[in-house]
C-alpha cells in the first residue's frame, strides 16, 4: 500500500473521527458533565492521528509529491497544532465549559480536514 493511499485514507478517518469527537464534546457540554478519561483517550488518539498524517504528508513532499495548492501545507500544520493548543488554552481542565471549547475547535478542524482534501490532489513527478 502506498504512502499516498494511507495518507488519503487517514484523511477520511480524521474527518469522521473529529466529527464524532465534536459530537461527544457537545453531549458532555449539554449534559453539564465532566470530561471523562475515555474522552481524553479519544482526544489523544486524535492528536496522534494528526501527527501520523503530518509525517505521511512530509514523506510525500520529500518524495516529490506536491499538492495542487500550497495552502495544503498550512492545513496540515494547522491540524497538528490546533488540538494541543486548545488543550493548553484550557489548561487541561475537565469541566463542561472546556467540552464546549473542544467541540467548537473540533468542528473547525473537521472543516480544515475537509478543505485539505480539496487541495490535496498531488502532482507526482513522472506520473
Protein backbone atom coordinates (compact mmCIF):
# COMPACT_ATOMS: atom_id res chain seq x y z
CA UNK A 1 0.00 0.00 0.00
CA UNK A 2 1.46 3.34 -0.99
CA UNK A 3 2.03 6.27 1.34
CA UNK A 4 -0.39 8.28 -0.77
CA UNK A 5 -3.22 5.79 -0.22
CA UNK A 6 -2.59 5.67 3.52
CA UNK A 7 -2.47 9.47 3.64
CA UNK A 8 -5.76 9.73 1.74
CA UNK A 9 -7.44 7.04 3.84
CA UNK A 10 -6.30 8.65 7.07
CA UNK A 11 -7.79 11.93 5.87
CA UNK A 12 -11.21 10.31 5.63
CA UNK A 13 -10.73 8.71 9.04
CA UNK A 14 -9.73 12.04 10.58
CA UNK A 15 -12.76 13.78 9.14
CA UNK A 16 -15.16 11.25 10.64
CA UNK A 17 -13.22 10.99 13.91
CA UNK A 18 -13.15 14.74 14.51
CA UNK A 19 -16.88 14.99 13.81
CA UNK A 20 -17.62 12.13 16.22
CA UNK A 21 -15.38 13.64 18.90
CA UNK A 22 -17.03 17.05 18.41
CA UNK A 23 -20.45 15.43 18.88
CA UNK A 24 -19.19 13.76 22.06
CA UNK A 25 -17.90 17.14 23.27
CA UNK A 26 -21.29 18.76 22.75
CA UNK A 27 -23.05 15.89 24.56
CA UNK A 28 -20.71 16.40 27.53
CA UNK A 29 -21.38 20.14 27.45
CA UNK A 30 -25.17 19.93 27.24
CA UNK A 31 -25.28 17.31 29.99
CA UNK A 32 -23.05 19.57 32.08
CA UNK A 33 -20.86 16.58 32.84
CA UNK A 34 -17.15 16.31 33.47
CA UNK A 35 -14.83 15.21 30.68
CA UNK A 36 -14.02 11.54 31.32
CA UNK A 37 -10.72 9.68 30.95
CA UNK A 38 -12.26 7.86 27.97
CA UNK A 39 -12.75 11.21 26.25
CA UNK A 40 -9.15 12.20 26.98
CA UNK A 41 -8.02 8.91 25.46
CA UNK A 42 -10.04 9.59 22.31
CA UNK A 43 -8.62 13.13 22.22
CA UNK A 44 -5.07 11.78 22.49
CA UNK A 45 -5.75 9.31 19.68
CA UNK A 46 -7.00 12.19 17.52
CA UNK A 47 -3.83 14.20 18.21
CA UNK A 48 -1.73 11.13 17.39
CA UNK A 49 -3.56 10.55 14.11
CA UNK A 50 -2.87 14.15 13.10
CA UNK A 51 0.80 13.59 13.91
CA UNK A 52 0.92 10.46 11.75
CA UNK A 53 -0.90 12.30 8.96
CA UNK A 54 1.67 15.11 9.15
CA UNK A 55 4.58 12.67 8.91
CA UNK A 56 2.98 10.91 5.93
CA UNK A 57 2.47 14.26 4.22
CA UNK A 58 6.09 15.13 4.90
CA UNK A 59 7.19 11.83 3.33
CA UNK A 60 5.07 12.57 0.27
CA UNK A 61 6.52 16.07 -0.04
CA UNK A 62 10.10 14.80 0.33
CA UNK A 63 9.35 12.13 -2.28
CA UNK A 64 8.45 14.76 -4.85
CA UNK A 65 4.68 14.87 -4.49
CA UNK A 66 3.17 18.33 -4.38
CA UNK A 67 -0.44 19.31 -3.76
CA UNK A 68 -2.16 21.48 -6.34
CA UNK A 69 -2.29 24.37 -3.88
CA UNK A 70 0.44 25.34 -1.41
CA UNK A 71 -2.18 26.12 1.24
CA UNK A 72 -2.50 22.34 1.75
CA UNK A 73 0.70 22.54 3.81
CA UNK A 74 -0.91 25.19 6.02
CA UNK A 75 -3.95 22.98 6.56
CA UNK A 76 -1.73 20.07 7.57
CA UNK A 77 0.22 22.19 10.02
CA UNK A 78 -2.96 23.68 11.45
CA UNK A 79 -4.33 20.21 12.14
CA UNK A 80 -1.23 19.27 14.10
CA UNK A 81 -1.02 22.36 16.30
CA UNK A 82 -4.66 23.30 16.96
CA UNK A 83 -5.73 20.45 19.25
CA UNK A 84 -2.68 20.66 21.54
CA UNK A 85 -3.13 24.46 21.56
CA UNK A 86 -6.75 24.05 22.67
CA UNK A 87 -5.59 21.71 25.43
CA UNK A 88 -3.02 24.29 26.53
CA UNK A 89 -5.59 27.09 26.35
CA UNK A 90 -7.95 25.21 28.67
CA UNK A 91 -5.02 24.11 30.85
CA UNK A 92 -6.29 20.54 30.63
CA UNK A 93 -9.30 21.18 32.85
CA UNK A 94 -12.16 18.69 32.62
CA UNK A 95 -15.28 20.78 33.25
CA UNK A 96 -18.18 21.01 30.84
CA UNK A 97 -17.08 24.51 29.82
CA UNK A 98 -13.92 23.10 28.28
CA UNK A 99 -16.01 20.49 26.45
CA UNK A 100 -17.64 23.36 24.54
CA UNK A 101 -14.22 24.73 23.57
CA UNK A 102 -13.13 21.31 22.33
CA UNK A 103 -16.38 20.82 20.42
CA UNK A 104 -16.00 24.12 18.57
CA UNK A 105 -12.30 23.52 17.88
CA UNK A 106 -13.01 20.00 16.60
CA UNK A 107 -15.72 21.30 14.25
CA UNK A 108 -13.22 23.87 12.97
CA UNK A 109 -10.62 21.15 12.47
CA UNK A 110 -13.17 18.96 10.66
CA UNK A 111 -13.69 21.87 8.26
CA UNK A 112 -9.94 22.21 7.81
CA UNK A 113 -9.65 18.48 7.06
CA UNK A 114 -12.48 18.71 4.52
CA UNK A 115 -10.81 21.69 2.87
CA UNK A 116 -7.43 19.95 2.88
CA UNK A 117 -8.97 17.09 0.89
CA UNK A 118 -9.93 19.57 -1.83
CA UNK A 119 -6.40 20.97 -2.13
CA UNK A 120 -4.69 17.58 -1.90
CA UNK A 121 -4.56 16.37 -5.48
CA UNK A 122 -0.91 15.52 -5.91
CA UNK A 123 1.24 16.15 -8.91
CA UNK A 124 3.76 13.30 -8.76
CA UNK A 125 6.86 13.54 -10.93
CA UNK A 126 6.81 11.11 -13.84
CA UNK A 127 3.11 10.30 -13.50
